[in-house]
Amino acid sequence: RAGTIQPLAYAHGLGHAAMRAGARIFTNSPVTSAGRDGDAWVLKTPGGQIRAIRVIMAGNDYVTPIRGTNWNAHLDRLTILPYFQFATKPLSANILATILPEEHGTWDTGMVMTSFRRDKAGRLIFGSIGSLDAMAAGTHRAFAVRSLKALFPALGDIEFDYWWDGRIGMTTNNLPSFHHPDDNVWSITGYNGRGISPGTVFGRALAGVALGETDAMALPETPIAPDPFRSVKSIFYHVGSQAKHLIDRR
């Protein structure tokens, strides 16, 4: 809960497990086009192509256009919610003893929510809605400093070791969507910020469907109907979070 798992380490663990089971993983090879060739799909990348009887689209909102298909149509349903995090330098033992001593992950319920947690190295990680682009990074960094000083005055001067941002795919009902956009092509999208555990569970279930081991999914199939307000909502989160963080906790 609240991001207390290390997602990159978890992804590496899943990748190693997949390779031990015989999977081959190709990075930096985006699919640019796809088309039918008999009973198979031919998927082309900048460096080559593969033939696949079955295809699972697992990129959520991190996908690029694929010529010759409508596989990316699910993007028209998703509102993009940006989220950033700042990690302090590792804290001393006496300070750590006073900050989340049981290592809970914490978040609030505001529309522009915030979160904070510790990592294994003893850093305090603070996050909130917003992207760290050139226009907004300074505003969000200053807000993170003010918030941490207000929450934990014992921290003193705050220095950050790392910072990053990402994208959350939001659906109108805040639930993931299961799609079957083409023959032997499936996807699950819109995890609404809770993709790690459900993604693993649904991935296992979807593998069973793709392999013909089961006909049932834990989710009903969702028609791909565009959300006409998705762009407006995405802009609202991006601009609104920056405006709120500019004035909040001053």
C-alpha atoms as a PDB file:
ATOM      1  CA  ARG A   1       0.000   0.000   0.000  1.00  0.00           C
ATOM      2  CA  ALA A   2       1.030   3.596  -0.718  1.00  0.00           C
ATOM      3  CA  GLY A   3       3.955   2.597  -2.902  1.00  0.00           C
ATOM      4  CA  THR A   4       5.947   0.791  -0.231  1.00  0.00           C
ATOM      5  CA  ILE A   5       7.040  -1.811  -2.782  1.00  0.00           C
ATOM      6  CA  GLN A   6      10.025  -0.885  -4.968  1.00  0.00           C
ATOM      7  CA  PRO A   7       8.427  -1.117  -8.425  1.00  0.00           C
ATOM      8  CA  LEU A   8      11.637  -1.301 -10.483  1.00  0.00           C
ATOM      9  CA  ALA A   9      13.035  -4.118  -8.351  1.00  0.00           C
ATOM     10  CA  TYR A  10       9.684  -5.899  -8.607  1.00  0.00           C
ATOM     11  CA  ALA A  11       9.669  -5.511 -12.401  1.00  0.00           C
ATOM     12  CA  HIS A  12      13.197  -6.923 -12.545  1.00  0.00           C
ATOM     13  CA  GLY A  13      12.076  -9.878 -10.434  1.00  0.00           C
ATOM     14  CA  LEU A  14       9.125 -10.564 -12.730  1.00  0.00           C
ATOM     15  CA  GLY A  15      11.409 -10.297 -15.751  1.00  0.00           C
ATOM     16  CA  HIS A  16      13.889 -12.800 -14.333  1.00  0.00           C
ATOM     17  CA  ALA A  17      11.065 -15.177 -13.463  1.00  0.00           C
ATOM     18  CA  ALA A  18       9.685 -14.893 -16.996  1.00  0.00           C
ATOM     19  CA  MET A  19      13.075 -15.601 -18.557  1.00  0.00           C
ATOM     20  CA  ARG A  20      13.593 -18.617 -16.314  1.00  0.00           C
ATOM     21  CA  ALA A  21      10.270 -19.880 -17.652  1.00  0.00           C
ATOM     22  CA  GLY A  22      11.482 -19.461 -21.239  1.00  0.00           C
ATOM     23  CA  ALA A  23      10.292 -15.958 -22.157  1.00  0.00           C
ATOM     24  CA  ARG A  24      12.453 -13.652 -24.276  1.00  0.00           C
ATOM     25  CA  ILE A  25      12.433  -9.952 -23.453  1.00  0.00           C
ATOM     26  CA  PHE A  26      13.336  -7.232 -25.961  1.00  0.00           C
ATOM     27  CA  THR A  27      13.742  -3.687 -24.673  1.00  0.00           C
ATOM     28  CA  ASN A  28      13.810  -0.478 -26.728  1.00  0.00           C
ATOM     29  CA  SER A  29      11.838  -2.180 -29.498  1.00  0.00           C
ATOM     30  CA  PRO A  30       8.488  -0.394 -29.835  1.00  0.00           C
ATOM     31  CA  VAL A  31       5.933  -1.980 -32.145  1.00  0.00           C
ATOM     32  CA  THR A  32       5.323   0.484 -34.976  1.00  0.00           C
ATOM     33  CA  SER A  33       2.866  -1.492 -37.131  1.00  0.00           C
ATOM     34  CA  ALA A  34       0.983  -4.764 -37.174  1.00  0.00           C
ATOM     35  CA  GLY A  35      -0.967  -6.762 -39.725  1.00  0.00           C
ATOM     36  CA  ARG A  36      -2.410 -10.213 -40.325  1.00  0.00           C
ATOM     37  CA  ASP A  37      -0.507 -12.949 -42.141  1.00  0.00           C
ATOM     38  CA  GLY A  38      -2.657 -16.058 -42.181  1.00  0.00           C
ATOM     39  CA  ASP A  39      -3.468 -17.033 -38.606  1.00  0.00           C
ATOM     40  CA  ALA A  40      -0.700 -14.869 -37.125  1.00  0.00           C
ATOM     41  CA  TRP A  41      -0.002 -11.242 -36.433  1.00  0.00           C
ATOM     42  CA  VAL A  42       3.187  -9.745 -37.829  1.00  0.00           C
ATOM     43  CA  LEU A  43       4.464  -7.006 -35.508  1.00  0.00           C
ATOM     44  CA  LYS A  44       7.187  -4.725 -36.848  1.00  0.00           C
ATOM     45  CA  THR A  45       9.718  -2.748 -34.827  1.00  0.00           C
ATOM     46  CA  PRO A  46      12.567  -0.458 -35.897  1.00  0.00           C
ATOM     47  CA  GLY A  47      14.964  -3.385 -35.487  1.00  0.00           C
ATOM     48  CA  GLY A  48      13.007  -6.330 -36.872  1.00  0.00           C
ATOM     49  CA  GLN A  49       9.693  -8.142 -36.709  1.00  0.00           C
ATOM     50  CA  ILE A  50       8.031 -11.085 -35.001  1.00  0.00           C
ATOM     51  CA  ARG A  51       5.089 -13.353 -35.746  1.00  0.00           C
ATOM     52  CA  ALA A  52       2.605 -13.920 -32.941  1.00  0.00           C
ATOM     53  CA  ILE A  53      -0.562 -15.989 -32.759  1.00  0.00           C
ATOM     54  CA  ARG A  54      -1.699 -14.065 -29.682  1.00  0.00           C
ATOM     55  CA  VAL A  55      -0.930 -10.495 -28.561  1.00  0.00           C
ATOM     56  CA  ILE A  56      -1.350  -8.872 -25.158  1.00  0.00           C
ATOM     57  CA  MET A  57      -1.157  -5.078 -25.043  1.00  0.00           C
ATOM     58  CA  ALA A  58       0.349  -4.332 -21.643  1.00  0.00           C
ATOM     59  CA  GLY A  59       1.498  -0.727 -21.988  1.00  0.00           C
ATOM     60  CA  ASN A  60      -1.514   0.951 -20.344  1.00  0.00           C
ATOM     61  CA  ASP A  61      -1.051   4.660 -21.181  1.00  0.00           C
ATOM     62  CA  TYR A  62       2.640   4.170 -22.082  1.00  0.00           C
ATOM     63  CA  VAL A  63       2.060   3.130 -25.671  1.00  0.00           C
ATOM     64  CA  THR A  64       2.922   4.533 -29.076  1.00  0.00           C
ATOM     65  CA  PRO A  65       0.731   4.495 -32.199  1.00  0.00           C
ATOM     66  CA  ILE A  66       0.679   1.161 -34.034  1.00  0.00           C
ATOM     67  CA  ARG A  67      -0.084   1.582 -37.739  1.00  0.00           C
ATOM     68  CA  GLY A  68      -2.701  -0.689 -39.228  1.00  0.00           C
ATOM     69  CA  THR A  69      -4.559  -1.346 -35.958  1.00  0.00           C
ATOM     70  CA  ASN A  70      -7.018   0.182 -33.527  1.00  0.00           C
ATOM     71  CA  TRP A  71      -5.186  -1.328 -30.569  1.00  0.00           C
ATOM     72  CA  ASN A  72      -4.408   2.092 -29.097  1.00  0.00           C
ATOM     73  CA  ALA A  73      -8.031   3.209 -29.068  1.00  0.00           C
ATOM     74  CA  HIS A  74      -8.170   2.601 -25.309  1.00  0.00           C
ATOM     75  CA  LEU A  75      -6.111   5.776 -24.865  1.00  0.00           C
ATOM     76  CA  ASP A  76      -9.203   7.783 -25.776  1.00  0.00           C
ATOM     77  CA  ARG A  77     -10.808   6.488 -22.567  1.00  0.00           C
ATOM     78  CA  LEU A  78      -7.949   7.408 -20.236  1.00  0.00           C
ATOM     79  CA  THR A  79      -7.353  10.644 -18.392  1.00  0.00           C
ATOM     80  CA  ILE A  80      -3.620  11.088 -17.864  1.00  0.00           C
ATOM     81  CA  LEU A  81      -2.807  11.911 -14.242  1.00  0.00           C
ATOM     82  CA  PRO A  82       0.841  12.965 -13.768  1.00  0.00           C
ATOM     83  CA  TYR A  83       2.523  12.124 -10.465  1.00  0.00           C
ATOM     84  CA  PHE A  84       5.961  13.134  -9.168  1.00  0.00           C
ATOM     85  CA  GLN A  85       8.148  12.031  -6.277  1.00  0.00           C
ATOM     86  CA  PHE A  86      11.172  13.536  -4.521  1.00  0.00           C
ATOM     87  CA  ALA A  87      13.551  11.420  -2.427  1.00  0.00           C
ATOM     88  CA  THR A  88      15.668  13.025   0.311  1.00  0.00           C
ATOM     89  CA  LYS A  89      19.219  12.029   1.121  1.00  0.00           C
ATOM     90  CA  PRO A  90      19.368   9.051   3.524  1.00  0.00           C
ATOM     91  CA  LEU A  91      18.356  10.245   6.985  1.00  0.00           C
ATOM     92  CA  SER A  92      20.220   9.644  10.216  1.00  0.00           C
ATOM     93  CA  ALA A  93      19.074   6.897  12.567  1.00  0.00           C
ATOM     94  CA  ASN A  94      17.830   9.326  15.222  1.00  0.00           C
ATOM     95  CA  ILE A  95      15.705  11.217  12.687  1.00  0.00           C
ATOM     96  CA  LEU A  96      14.338   7.991  11.193  1.00  0.00           C
ATOM     97  CA  ALA A  97      13.257   6.891  14.653  1.00  0.00           C
ATOM     98  CA  THR A  98      10.777   9.790  14.708  1.00  0.00           C
ATOM     99  CA  ILE A  99       9.459   9.551  11.122  1.00  0.00           C
ATOM    100  CA  LEU A 100       7.186   6.652  10.197  1.00  0.00           C
ATOM    101  CA  PRO A 101       9.065   4.350  12.594  1.00  0.00           C
ATOM    102  CA  GLU A 102       6.996   1.351  11.490  1.00  0.00           C
ATOM    103  CA  GLU A 103       7.646   2.218   7.827  1.00  0.00           C
ATOM    104  CA  HIS A 104       4.042   2.804   6.855  1.00  0.00           C
ATOM    105  CA  GLY A 105       3.161   4.348   3.526  1.00  0.00           C
ATOM    106  CA  THR A 106       0.921   7.390   3.897  1.00  0.00           C
ATOM    107  CA  TRP A 107      -1.313   9.430   1.641  1.00  0.00           C
ATOM    108  CA  ASP A 108      -4.120  11.945   2.077  1.00  0.00           C
ATOM    109  CA  THR A 109      -7.546  12.221   0.477  1.00  0.00           C
ATOM    110  CA  GLY A 110      -7.244  15.617  -1.207  1.00  0.00           C
ATOM    111  CA  MET A 111      -8.213  16.101  -4.835  1.00  0.00           C
ATOM    112  CA  VAL A 112      -4.555  17.004  -5.378  1.00  0.00           C
ATOM    113  CA  MET A 113      -3.322  14.254  -3.098  1.00  0.00           C
ATOM    114  CA  THR A 114       0.096  13.877  -1.511  1.00  0.00           C
ATOM    115  CA  SER A 115       1.964  10.830  -0.251  1.00  0.00           C
ATOM    116  CA  PHE A 116       5.098  10.073   1.728  1.00  0.00           C
ATOM    117  CA  ARG A 117       7.008   6.955   2.707  1.00  0.00           C
ATOM    118  CA  ARG A 118      10.491   5.680   3.474  1.00  0.00           C
ATOM    119  CA  ASP A 119      12.740   3.503   1.342  1.00  0.00           C
ATOM    120  CA  LYS A 120      15.188   0.789   2.290  1.00  0.00           C
ATOM    121  CA  ALA A 121      18.118   3.225   2.315  1.00  0.00           C
ATOM    122  CA  GLY A 122      16.376   5.500   4.832  1.00  0.00           C
ATOM    123  CA  ARG A 123      15.291   8.198   2.398  1.00  0.00           C
ATOM    124  CA  LEU A 124      11.979   9.984   2.861  1.00  0.00           C
ATOM    125  CA  ILE A 125      10.022  10.041  -0.407  1.00  0.00           C
ATOM    126  CA  PHE A 126       7.365  12.692  -0.955  1.00  0.00           C
ATOM    127  CA  GLY A 127       4.959  12.658  -3.893  1.00  0.00           C
ATOM    128  CA  SER A 128       1.992  14.518  -5.311  1.00  0.00           C
ATOM    129  CA  ILE A 129       0.084  15.151  -8.513  1.00  0.00           C
ATOM    130  CA  GLY A 130       2.050  17.002 -11.180  1.00  0.00           C
ATOM    131  CA  SER A 131       4.754  16.541 -13.790  1.00  0.00           C
ATOM    132  CA  LEU A 132       8.348  17.711 -13.483  1.00  0.00           C
ATOM    133  CA  ASP A 133       8.561  19.480 -16.803  1.00  0.00           C
ATOM    134  CA  ALA A 134      10.603  22.655 -17.215  1.00  0.00           C
ATOM    135  CA  MET A 135       7.681  24.926 -16.346  1.00  0.00           C
ATOM    136  CA  ALA A 136       6.487  23.075 -13.240  1.00  0.00           C
ATOM    137  CA  ALA A 137       9.505  21.372 -11.659  1.00  0.00           C
ATOM    138  CA  GLY A 138      10.538  24.347  -9.513  1.00  0.00           C
ATOM    139  CA  THR A 139       7.021  24.850  -8.176  1.00  0.00           C
ATOM    140  CA  HIS A 140       6.597  21.204  -7.231  1.00  0.00           C
ATOM    141  CA  ARG A 141      10.062  20.988  -5.649  1.00  0.00           C
ATOM    142  CA  ALA A 142       9.399  24.040  -3.473  1.00  0.00           C
ATOM    143  CA  PHE A 143       6.035  22.601  -2.436  1.00  0.00           C
ATOM    144  CA  ALA A 144       7.694  19.283  -1.511  1.00  0.00           C
ATOM    145  CA  VAL A 145      10.213  21.114   0.696  1.00  0.00           C
ATOM    146  CA  ARG A 146       7.509  23.197   2.418  1.00  0.00           C
ATOM    147  CA  SER A 147       5.307  20.142   2.970  1.00  0.00           C
ATOM    148  CA  LEU A 148       8.071  18.008   4.475  1.00  0.00           C
ATOM    149  CA  LYS A 149       9.155  20.847   6.791  1.00  0.00           C
ATOM    150  CA  ALA A 150       5.562  21.259   7.962  1.00  0.00           C
ATOM    151  CA  LEU A 151       5.049  17.524   8.480  1.00  0.00           C
ATOM    152  CA  PHE A 152       8.444  16.770  10.022  1.00  0.00           C
ATOM    153  CA  PRO A 153      10.108  19.895  11.486  1.00  0.00           C
ATOM    154  CA  ALA A 154      13.000  17.790  12.832  1.00  0.00           C
ATOM    155  CA  LEU A 155      14.257  17.264   9.272  1.00  0.00           C
ATOM    156  CA  GLY A 156      15.956  20.675   9.191  1.00  0.00           C
ATOM    157  CA  ASP A 157      17.416  21.604   5.817  1.00  0.00           C
ATOM    158  CA  ILE A 158      16.069  19.288   3.118  1.00  0.00           C
ATOM    159  CA  GLU A 159      18.158  18.045   0.219  1.00  0.00           C
ATOM    160  CA  PHE A 160      16.893  15.701  -2.477  1.00  0.00           C
ATOM    161  CA  ASP A 161      18.945  12.881  -3.968  1.00  0.00           C
ATOM    162  CA  TYR A 162      16.467  11.854  -6.672  1.00  0.00           C
ATOM    163  CA  TRP A 163      13.257  12.993  -8.313  1.00  0.00           C
ATOM    164  CA  TRP A 164      11.079  11.536 -11.053  1.00  0.00           C
ATOM    165  CA  ASP A 165       7.576  11.606 -12.426  1.00  0.00           C
ATOM    166  CA  GLY A 166       5.233   9.256 -14.231  1.00  0.00           C
ATOM    167  CA  ARG A 167       1.774   8.888 -15.671  1.00  0.00           C
ATOM    168  CA  ILE A 168      -1.324   7.270 -14.195  1.00  0.00           C
ATOM    169  CA  GLY A 169      -4.123   6.142 -16.524  1.00  0.00           C
ATOM    170  CA  MET A 170      -7.493   7.057 -14.992  1.00  0.00           C
ATOM    171  CA  THR A 171     -10.877   5.704 -16.105  1.00  0.00           C
ATOM    172  CA  THR A 172     -14.233   7.379 -15.585  1.00  0.00           C
ATOM    173  CA  ASN A 173     -15.346   4.772 -13.034  1.00  0.00           C
ATOM    174  CA  ASN A 174     -11.898   4.373 -11.404  1.00  0.00           C
ATOM    175  CA  LEU A 175     -11.792   0.676 -12.330  1.00  0.00           C
ATOM    176  CA  PRO A 176      -9.526  -1.177 -14.773  1.00  0.00           C
ATOM    177  CA  SER A 177     -10.940  -2.025 -18.210  1.00  0.00           C
ATOM    178  CA  PHE A 178     -10.574  -5.306 -20.094  1.00  0.00           C
ATOM    179  CA  HIS A 179     -10.518  -4.933 -23.899  1.00  0.00           C
ATOM    180  CA  HIS A 180     -10.523  -7.357 -26.828  1.00  0.00           C
ATOM    181  CA  PRO A 181      -9.797  -4.964 -29.716  1.00  0.00           C
ATOM    182  CA  ASP A 182      -9.013  -7.605 -32.378  1.00  0.00           C
ATOM    183  CA  ASP A 183      -8.755 -11.335 -33.021  1.00  0.00           C
ATOM    184  CA  ASN A 184      -6.407 -12.871 -30.454  1.00  0.00           C
ATOM    185  CA  VAL A 185      -5.520  -9.424 -29.093  1.00  0.00           C
ATOM    186  CA  TRP A 186      -6.295  -8.426 -25.508  1.00  0.00           C
ATOM    187  CA  SER A 187      -5.434  -5.629 -23.093  1.00  0.00           C
ATOM    188  CA  ILE A 188      -6.187  -4.383 -19.602  1.00  0.00           C
ATOM    189  CA  THR A 189      -5.830  -0.647 -19.023  1.00  0.00           C
ATOM    190  CA  GLY A 190      -6.662   2.058 -16.508  1.00  0.00           C
ATOM    191  CA  TYR A 191      -5.292   0.886 -13.186  1.00  0.00           C
ATOM    192  CA  ASN A 192      -5.929   4.310 -11.632  1.00  0.00           C
ATOM    193  CA  GLY A 193      -2.660   4.366  -9.715  1.00  0.00           C
ATOM    194  CA  ARG A 194      -2.978   0.840  -8.295  1.00  0.00           C
ATOM    195  CA  GLY A 195      -1.400  -1.204 -11.049  1.00  0.00           C
ATOM    196  CA  ILE A 196       1.272  -3.251  -9.327  1.00  0.00           C
ATOM    197  CA  SER A 197      -0.765  -5.831  -7.431  1.00  0.00           C
ATOM    198  CA  PRO A 198      -3.875  -5.886  -9.680  1.00  0.00           C
ATOM    199  CA  GLY A 199      -1.629  -5.905 -12.768  1.00  0.00           C
ATOM    200  CA  THR A 200       0.026  -9.074 -11.535  1.00  0.00           C
ATOM    201  CA  VAL A 201      -3.281 -10.770 -10.728  1.00  0.00           C
ATOM    202  CA  PHE A 202      -4.970  -9.739 -13.977  1.00  0.00           C
ATOM    203  CA  GLY A 203      -1.842 -10.597 -15.961  1.00  0.00           C
ATOM    204  CA  ARG A 204      -1.964 -14.151 -14.682  1.00  0.00           C
ATOM    205  CA  ALA A 205      -5.668 -14.384 -15.513  1.00  0.00           C
ATOM    206  CA  LEU A 206      -5.186 -12.867 -18.970  1.00  0.00           C
ATOM    207  CA  ALA A 207      -2.405 -15.343 -19.725  1.00  0.00           C
ATOM    208  CA  GLY A 208      -4.917 -18.116 -19.054  1.00  0.00           C
ATOM    209  CA  VAL A 209      -7.380 -16.534 -21.488  1.00  0.00           C
ATOM    210  CA  ALA A 210      -4.728 -16.060 -24.192  1.00  0.00           C
ATOM    211  CA  LEU A 211      -3.571 -19.655 -23.856  1.00  0.00           C
ATOM    212  CA  GLY A 212      -7.121 -20.978 -23.998  1.00  0.00           C
ATOM    213  CA  GLU A 213      -6.932 -22.405 -20.487  1.00  0.00           C
ATOM    214  CA  THR A 214     -10.003 -20.445 -19.373  1.00  0.00           C
ATOM    215  CA  ASP A 215     -12.779 -18.437 -20.984  1.00  0.00           C
ATOM    216  CA  ALA A 216     -13.397 -16.256 -17.956  1.00  0.00           C
ATOM    217  CA  MET A 217     -11.699 -13.046 -16.882  1.00  0.00           C
ATOM    218  CA  ALA A 218     -12.048 -11.376 -13.537  1.00  0.00           C
ATOM    219  CA  LEU A 219     -13.231  -8.280 -15.446  1.00  0.00           C
ATOM    220  CA  PRO A 220     -16.083  -7.964 -17.933  1.00  0.00           C
ATOM    221  CA  GLU A 221     -15.110  -6.917 -21.455  1.00  0.00           C
ATOM    222  CA  THR A 222     -15.388  -3.148 -21.808  1.00  0.00           C
ATOM    223  CA  PRO A 223     -16.309  -1.465 -25.111  1.00  0.00           C
ATOM    224  CA  ILE A 224     -13.761   1.163 -26.126  1.00  0.00           C
ATOM    225  CA  ALA A 225     -15.841   4.338 -25.927  1.00  0.00           C
ATOM    226  CA  PRO A 226     -13.904   7.630 -25.935  1.00  0.00           C
ATOM    227  CA  ASP A 227     -14.204   9.985 -22.972  1.00  0.00           C
ATOM    228  CA  PRO A 228     -14.923  13.373 -24.605  1.00  0.00           C
ATOM    229  CA  PHE A 229     -13.544  15.219 -21.568  1.00  0.00           C
ATOM    230  CA  ARG A 230     -10.286  13.312 -21.181  1.00  0.00           C
ATOM    231  CA  SER A 231      -8.074  16.051 -22.612  1.00  0.00           C
ATOM    232  CA  VAL A 232      -9.725  18.732 -20.475  1.00  0.00           C
ATOM    233  CA  LYS A 233      -9.347  16.617 -17.338  1.00  0.00           C
ATOM    234  CA  SER A 234      -5.714  15.848 -18.124  1.00  0.00           C
ATOM    235  CA  ILE A 235      -4.951  19.558 -18.538  1.00  0.00           C
ATOM    236  CA  PHE A 236      -6.851  20.319 -15.326  1.00  0.00           C
ATOM    237  CA  TYR A 237      -4.693  17.944 -13.305  1.00  0.00           C
ATOM    238  CA  HIS A 238      -1.486  19.231 -14.877  1.00  0.00           C
ATOM    239  CA  VAL A 239      -2.230  22.948 -14.528  1.00  0.00           C
ATOM    240  CA  GLY A 240      -4.383  22.745 -11.396  1.00  0.00           C
ATOM    241  CA  SER A 241      -1.772  20.865  -9.394  1.00  0.00           C
ATOM    242  CA  GLN A 242       0.861  23.434 -10.329  1.00  0.00           C
ATOM    243  CA  ALA A 243      -1.417  26.303  -9.259  1.00  0.00           C
ATOM    244  CA  LYS A 244      -2.262  24.634  -5.952  1.00  0.00           C
ATOM    245  CA  HIS A 245       1.353  23.812  -5.190  1.00  0.00           C
ATOM    246  CA  LEU A 246       2.365  27.400  -5.945  1.00  0.00           C
ATOM    247  CA  ILE A 247       0.285  28.733  -3.041  1.00  0.00           C
ATOM    248  CA  ASP A 248      -0.154  25.778  -0.688  1.00  0.00           C
ATOM    249  CA  ARG A 249       1.588  25.566   2.722  1.00  0.00           C
ATOM    250  CA  ARG A 250       3.037  29.070   2.518  1.00  0.00           C
END
